[in-house]
């Protein structure tokens, strides 16, 4: 049987991250951004900016 429970999440972390941890996380973020861009281009997806509020709509490229 599947068991589910609630867990509290820490919303505020005090102090600054260690420089090596920060660089690692930054590198991971850049990797995922590049991966997302590559996958979207491969699948033919693009973003269309509409209106003055800049709403992003994901549409199939033609």
PDB file of N, CA and C in Angstrom:
ATOM      1  N   UNK A   1       0.838  -1.181   0.000  1.00  0.00           N
ATOM      2  CA  UNK A   1       0.000   0.000   0.000  1.00  0.00           C
ATOM      3  C   UNK A   1       0.881   1.241   0.000  1.00  0.00           C
ATOM      4  N   UNK A   2       0.437   2.250  -0.695  1.00  0.00           N
ATOM      5  CA  UNK A   2       1.167   3.508  -0.806  1.00  0.00           C
ATOM      6  C   UNK A   2       0.912   4.366   0.418  1.00  0.00           C
ATOM      7  N   UNK A   3       1.973   4.840   1.031  1.00  0.00           N
ATOM      8  CA  UNK A   3       1.853   5.677   2.219  1.00  0.00           C
ATOM      9  C   UNK A   3       2.339   7.083   1.895  1.00  0.00           C
ATOM     10  N   UNK A   4       1.545   8.076   2.249  1.00  0.00           N
ATOM     11  CA  UNK A   4       1.925   9.465   2.004  1.00  0.00           C
ATOM     12  C   UNK A   4       1.906  10.229   3.316  1.00  0.00           C
ATOM     13  N   UNK A   5       2.797  11.206   3.423  1.00  0.00           N
ATOM     14  CA  UNK A   5       2.807  12.046   4.617  1.00  0.00           C
ATOM     15  C   UNK A   5       3.322  13.429   4.254  1.00  0.00           C
ATOM     16  N   UNK A   6       3.012  14.398   5.094  1.00  0.00           N
ATOM     17  CA  UNK A   6       3.438  15.777   4.893  1.00  0.00           C
ATOM     18  C   UNK A   6       4.756  16.016   5.604  1.00  0.00           C
ATOM     19  N   UNK A   7       5.604  16.801   4.990  1.00  0.00           N
ATOM     20  CA  UNK A   7       6.876  17.181   5.595  1.00  0.00           C
ATOM     21  C   UNK A   7       7.044  18.690   5.487  1.00  0.00           C
ATOM     22  N   UNK A   8       7.566  19.269   6.534  1.00  0.00           N
ATOM     23  CA  UNK A   8       7.844  20.704   6.486  1.00  0.00           C
ATOM     24  C   UNK A   8       9.069  20.956   5.631  1.00  0.00           C
ATOM     25  N   UNK A   9       9.042  22.075   4.926  1.00  0.00           N
ATOM     26  CA  UNK A   9      10.192  22.471   4.129  1.00  0.00           C
ATOM     27  C   UNK A   9      10.765  23.761   4.698  1.00  0.00           C
ATOM     28  N   UNK A  10      12.062  23.852   4.706  1.00  0.00           N
ATOM     29  CA  UNK A  10      12.711  25.064   5.176  1.00  0.00           C
ATOM     30  C   UNK A  10      12.589  26.120   4.085  1.00  0.00           C
ATOM     31  N   UNK A  11      12.039  27.266   4.448  1.00  0.00           N
ATOM     32  CA  UNK A  11      11.843  28.317   3.457  1.00  0.00           C
ATOM     33  C   UNK A  11      12.972  29.324   3.447  1.00  0.00           C
ATOM     34  N   UNK A  12      13.682  29.450   4.513  1.00  0.00           N
ATOM     35  CA  UNK A  12      14.734  30.448   4.601  1.00  0.00           C
ATOM     36  C   UNK A  12      16.003  29.772   5.086  1.00  0.00           C
ATOM     37  N   UNK A  13      17.057  29.962   4.357  1.00  0.00           N
ATOM     38  CA  UNK A  13      18.338  29.384   4.732  1.00  0.00           C
ATOM     39  C   UNK A  13      19.265  30.530   5.087  1.00  0.00           C
ATOM     40  N   UNK A  14      19.803  30.478   6.277  1.00  0.00           N
ATOM     41  CA  UNK A  14      20.668  31.563   6.731  1.00  0.00           C
ATOM     42  C   UNK A  14      22.078  31.403   6.198  1.00  0.00           C
ATOM     43  N   UNK A  15      22.744  32.516   6.067  1.00  0.00           N
ATOM     44  CA  UNK A  15      24.135  32.501   5.661  1.00  0.00           C
ATOM     45  C   UNK A  15      24.319  32.366   4.163  1.00  0.00           C
ATOM     46  N   UNK A  16      25.550  32.471   3.764  1.00  0.00           N
ATOM     47  CA  UNK A  16      25.892  32.355   2.352  1.00  0.00           C
ATOM     48  C   UNK A  16      26.351  30.934   2.060  1.00  0.00           C
ATOM     49  N   UNK A  17      26.102  30.474   0.831  1.00  0.00           N
ATOM     50  CA  UNK A  17      26.577  29.127   0.486  1.00  0.00           C
ATOM     51  C   UNK A  17      28.093  29.114   0.355  1.00  0.00           C
ATOM     52  N   UNK A  18      28.651  27.946   0.515  1.00  0.00           N
ATOM     53  CA  UNK A  18      30.090  27.808   0.315  1.00  0.00           C
ATOM     54  C   UNK A  18      30.388  28.049  -1.163  1.00  0.00           C
ATOM     55  N   UNK A  19      31.498  28.711  -1.473  1.00  0.00           N
ATOM     56  CA  UNK A  19      31.795  29.037  -2.878  1.00  0.00           C
ATOM     57  C   UNK A  19      31.822  27.816  -3.793  1.00  0.00           C
ATOM     58  N   UNK A  20      32.346  26.704  -3.319  1.00  0.00           N
ATOM     59  CA  UNK A  20      32.416  25.508  -4.174  1.00  0.00           C
ATOM     60  C   UNK A  20      31.022  24.946  -4.435  1.00  0.00           C
ATOM     61  N   UNK A  21      30.142  24.981  -3.422  1.00  0.00           N
ATOM     62  CA  UNK A  21      28.768  24.514  -3.607  1.00  0.00           C
ATOM     63  C   UNK A  21      28.024  25.427  -4.573  1.00  0.00           C
ATOM     64  N   UNK A  22      28.255  26.730  -4.435  1.00  0.00           N
ATOM     65  CA  UNK A  22      27.601  27.696  -5.310  1.00  0.00           C
ATOM     66  C   UNK A  22      28.014  27.468  -6.763  1.00  0.00           C
ATOM     67  N   UNK A  23      29.293  27.260  -6.993  1.00  0.00           N
ATOM     68  CA  UNK A  23      29.776  27.032  -8.355  1.00  0.00           C
ATOM     69  C   UNK A  23      29.213  25.739  -8.932  1.00  0.00           C
ATOM     70  N   UNK A  24      29.120  24.700  -8.104  1.00  0.00           N
ATOM     71  CA  UNK A  24      28.550  23.432  -8.563  1.00  0.00           C
ATOM     72  C   UNK A  24      27.085  23.600  -8.966  1.00  0.00           C
ATOM     73  N   UNK A  25      26.313  24.280  -8.128  1.00  0.00           N
ATOM     74  CA  UNK A  25      24.893  24.494  -8.424  1.00  0.00           C
ATOM     75  C   UNK A  25      24.723  25.379  -9.654  1.00  0.00           C
ATOM     76  N   UNK A  26      25.573  26.387  -9.781  1.00  0.00           N
ATOM     77  CA  UNK A  26      25.511  27.265 -10.942  1.00  0.00           C
ATOM     78  C   UNK A  26      25.815  26.485 -12.219  1.00  0.00           C
ATOM     79  N   UNK A  27      26.796  25.595 -12.157  1.00  0.00           N
ATOM     80  CA  UNK A  27      27.140  24.771 -13.318  1.00  0.00           C
ATOM     81  C   UNK A  27      25.983  23.836 -13.678  1.00  0.00           C
ATOM     82  N   UNK A  28      25.328  23.259 -12.663  1.00  0.00           N
ATOM     83  CA  UNK A  28      24.177  22.390 -12.917  1.00  0.00           C
ATOM     84  C   UNK A  28      23.046  23.172 -13.573  1.00  0.00           C
ATOM     85  N   UNK A  29      22.792  24.374 -13.080  1.00  0.00           N
ATOM     86  CA  UNK A  29      21.731  25.208 -13.635  1.00  0.00           C
ATOM     87  C   UNK A  29      22.010  25.544 -15.097  1.00  0.00           C
ATOM     88  N   UNK A  30      23.241  25.921 -15.400  1.00  0.00           N
ATOM     89  CA  UNK A  30      23.602  26.229 -16.785  1.00  0.00           C
ATOM     90  C   UNK A  30      23.458  25.001 -17.677  1.00  0.00           C
ATOM     91  N   UNK A  31      23.845  23.838 -17.176  1.00  0.00           N
ATOM     92  CA  UNK A  31      23.711  22.591 -17.937  1.00  0.00           C
ATOM     93  C   UNK A  31      22.244  22.318 -18.266  1.00  0.00           C
ATOM     94  N   UNK A  32      21.362  22.463 -17.257  1.00  0.00           N
ATOM     95  CA  UNK A  32      19.949  22.197 -17.483  1.00  0.00           C
ATOM     96  C   UNK A  32      19.326  23.219 -18.431  1.00  0.00           C
ATOM     97  N   UNK A  33      19.772  24.461 -18.359  1.00  0.00           N
ATOM     98  CA  UNK A  33      19.263  25.471 -19.290  1.00  0.00           C
ATOM     99  C   UNK A  33      19.652  25.132 -20.722  1.00  0.00           C
ATOM    100  N   UNK A  34      20.904  24.725 -20.928  1.00  0.00           N
ATOM    101  CA  UNK A  34      21.349  24.345 -22.265  1.00  0.00           C
ATOM    102  C   UNK A  34      20.612  23.101 -22.749  1.00  0.00           C
ATOM    103  N   UNK A  35      20.408  22.147 -21.850  1.00  0.00           N
ATOM    104  CA  UNK A  35      19.690  20.925 -22.199  1.00  0.00           C
ATOM    105  C   UNK A  35      18.247  21.236 -22.593  1.00  0.00           C
ATOM    106  N   UNK A  36      17.593  22.100 -21.818  1.00  0.00           N
ATOM    107  CA  UNK A  36      16.221  22.487 -22.137  1.00  0.00           C
ATOM    108  C   UNK A  36      16.155  23.151 -23.514  1.00  0.00           C
ATOM    109  N   UNK A  37      17.071  24.058 -23.787  1.00  0.00           N
ATOM    110  CA  UNK A  37      17.108  24.745 -25.076  1.00  0.00           C
ATOM    111  C   UNK A  37      17.298  23.745 -26.217  1.00  0.00           C
ATOM    112  N   UNK A  38      18.226  22.812 -26.039  1.00  0.00           N
ATOM    113  CA  UNK A  38      18.508  21.820 -27.076  1.00  0.00           C
ATOM    114  C   UNK A  38      17.298  20.928 -27.338  1.00  0.00           C
ATOM    115  N   UNK A  39      16.653  20.472 -26.283  1.00  0.00           N
ATOM    116  CA  UNK A  39      15.488  19.592 -26.436  1.00  0.00           C
ATOM    117  C   UNK A  39      14.347  20.333 -27.119  1.00  0.00           C
ATOM    118  N   UNK A  40      14.117  21.583 -26.728  1.00  0.00           N
ATOM    119  CA  UNK A  40      13.037  22.349 -27.349  1.00  0.00           C
ATOM    120  C   UNK A  40      13.297  22.565 -28.832  1.00  0.00           C
ATOM    121  N   UNK A  41      14.527  22.849 -29.186  1.00  0.00           N
ATOM    122  CA  UNK A  41      14.867  23.028 -30.604  1.00  0.00           C
ATOM    123  C   UNK A  41      14.726  21.706 -31.356  1.00  0.00           C
ATOM    124  N   UNK A  42      15.135  20.624 -30.730  1.00  0.00           N
ATOM    125  CA  UNK A  42      15.033  19.304 -31.363  1.00  0.00           C
ATOM    126  C   UNK A  42      13.572  18.928 -31.616  1.00  0.00           C
ATOM    127  N   UNK A  43      12.695  19.254 -30.668  1.00  0.00           N
ATOM    128  CA  UNK A  43      11.280  18.918 -30.801  1.00  0.00           C
ATOM    129  C   UNK A  43      10.505  19.942 -31.621  1.00  0.00           C
ATOM    130  N   UNK A  44      11.148  21.037 -31.980  1.00  0.00           N
ATOM    131  CA  UNK A  44      10.471  22.056 -32.774  1.00  0.00           C
ATOM    132  C   UNK A  44       9.590  22.970 -31.958  1.00  0.00           C
ATOM    133  N   UNK A  45       9.916  23.169 -30.686  1.00  0.00           N
ATOM    134  CA  UNK A  45       9.142  24.061 -29.830  1.00  0.00           C
ATOM    135  C   UNK A  45       9.812  25.425 -29.779  1.00  0.00           C
ATOM    136  N   UNK A  46       9.008  26.451 -29.607  1.00  0.00           N
ATOM    137  CA  UNK A  46       9.565  27.789 -29.445  1.00  0.00           C
ATOM    138  C   UNK A  46       8.628  28.596 -28.559  1.00  0.00           C
ATOM    139  N   UNK A  47       9.080  29.759 -28.148  1.00  0.00           N
ATOM    140  CA  UNK A  47       8.256  30.640 -27.331  1.00  0.00           C
ATOM    141  C   UNK A  47       7.761  31.799 -28.168  1.00  0.00           C
ATOM    142  N   UNK A  48       6.532  32.194 -27.946  1.00  0.00           N
ATOM    143  CA  UNK A  48       5.946  33.343 -28.610  1.00  0.00           C
ATOM    144  C   UNK A  48       5.565  34.342 -27.525  1.00  0.00           C
ATOM    145  N   UNK A  49       6.115  35.544 -27.597  1.00  0.00           N
ATOM    146  CA  UNK A  49       5.800  36.579 -26.613  1.00  0.00           C
ATOM    147  C   UNK A  49       4.607  37.362 -27.122  1.00  0.00           C
ATOM    148  N   UNK A  50       3.570  37.495 -26.286  1.00  0.00           N
ATOM    149  CA  UNK A  50       2.370  38.207 -26.704  1.00  0.00           C
ATOM    150  C   UNK A  50       1.993  39.237 -25.664  1.00  0.00           C
ATOM    151  N   UNK A  51       1.393  40.300 -26.112  1.00  0.00           N
ATOM    152  CA  UNK A  51       0.855  41.308 -25.215  1.00  0.00           C
ATOM    153  C   UNK A  51       1.903  42.131 -24.504  1.00  0.00           C
ATOM    154  N   UNK A  52       1.445  43.143 -23.797  1.00  0.00           N
ATOM    155  CA  UNK A  52       2.357  44.038 -23.094  1.00  0.00           C
ATOM    156  C   UNK A  52       2.856  43.425 -21.791  1.00  0.00           C
ATOM    157  N   UNK A  53       2.179  42.397 -21.296  1.00  0.00           N
ATOM    158  CA  UNK A  53       2.614  41.781 -20.043  1.00  0.00           C
ATOM    159  C   UNK A  53       3.624  40.671 -20.267  1.00  0.00           C
ATOM    160  N   UNK A  54       3.907  40.364 -21.499  1.00  0.00           N
ATOM    161  CA  UNK A  54       4.946  39.381 -21.809  1.00  0.00           C
ATOM    162  C   UNK A  54       4.580  37.961 -21.437  1.00  0.00           C
ATOM    163  N   UNK A  55       3.386  37.546 -21.724  1.00  0.00           N
ATOM    164  CA  UNK A  55       2.964  36.182 -21.432  1.00  0.00           C
ATOM    165  C   UNK A  55       3.643  35.247 -22.425  1.00  0.00           C
ATOM    166  N   UNK A  56       4.244  34.181 -21.909  1.00  0.00           N
ATOM    167  CA  UNK A  56       4.910  33.212 -22.780  1.00  0.00           C
ATOM    168  C   UNK A  56       3.933  32.099 -23.140  1.00  0.00           C
ATOM    169  N   UNK A  57       3.781  31.903 -24.407  1.00  0.00           N
ATOM    170  CA  UNK A  57       2.980  30.781 -24.883  1.00  0.00           C
ATOM    171  C   UNK A  57       3.898  29.829 -25.620  1.00  0.00           C
ATOM    172  N   UNK A  58       3.790  28.575 -25.292  1.00  0.00           N
ATOM    173  CA  UNK A  58       4.611  27.585 -25.968  1.00  0.00           C
ATOM    174  C   UNK A  58       3.811  27.051 -27.153  1.00  0.00           C
ATOM    175  N   UNK A  59       4.377  27.201 -28.318  1.00  0.00           N
ATOM    176  CA  UNK A  59       3.666  26.800 -29.527  1.00  0.00           C
ATOM    177  C   UNK A  59       4.569  25.936 -30.388  1.00  0.00           C
ATOM    178  N   UNK A  60       3.954  25.187 -31.239  1.00  0.00           N
ATOM    179  CA  UNK A  60       4.721  24.395 -32.188  1.00  0.00           C
ATOM    180  C   UNK A  60       5.229  25.318 -33.271  1.00  0.00           C
ATOM    181  N   UNK A  61       6.488  25.210 -33.569  1.00  0.00           N
ATOM    182  CA  UNK A  61       7.066  26.025 -34.637  1.00  0.00           C
ATOM    183  C   UNK A  61       6.593  25.488 -35.983  1.00  0.00           C
ATOM    184  N   UNK A  62       6.354  26.400 -36.885  1.00  0.00           N
ATOM    185  CA  UNK A  62       5.893  25.972 -38.213  1.00  0.00           C
ATOM    186  C   UNK A  62       6.982  26.156 -39.242  1.00  0.00           C
TER     187      UNK A  62
END
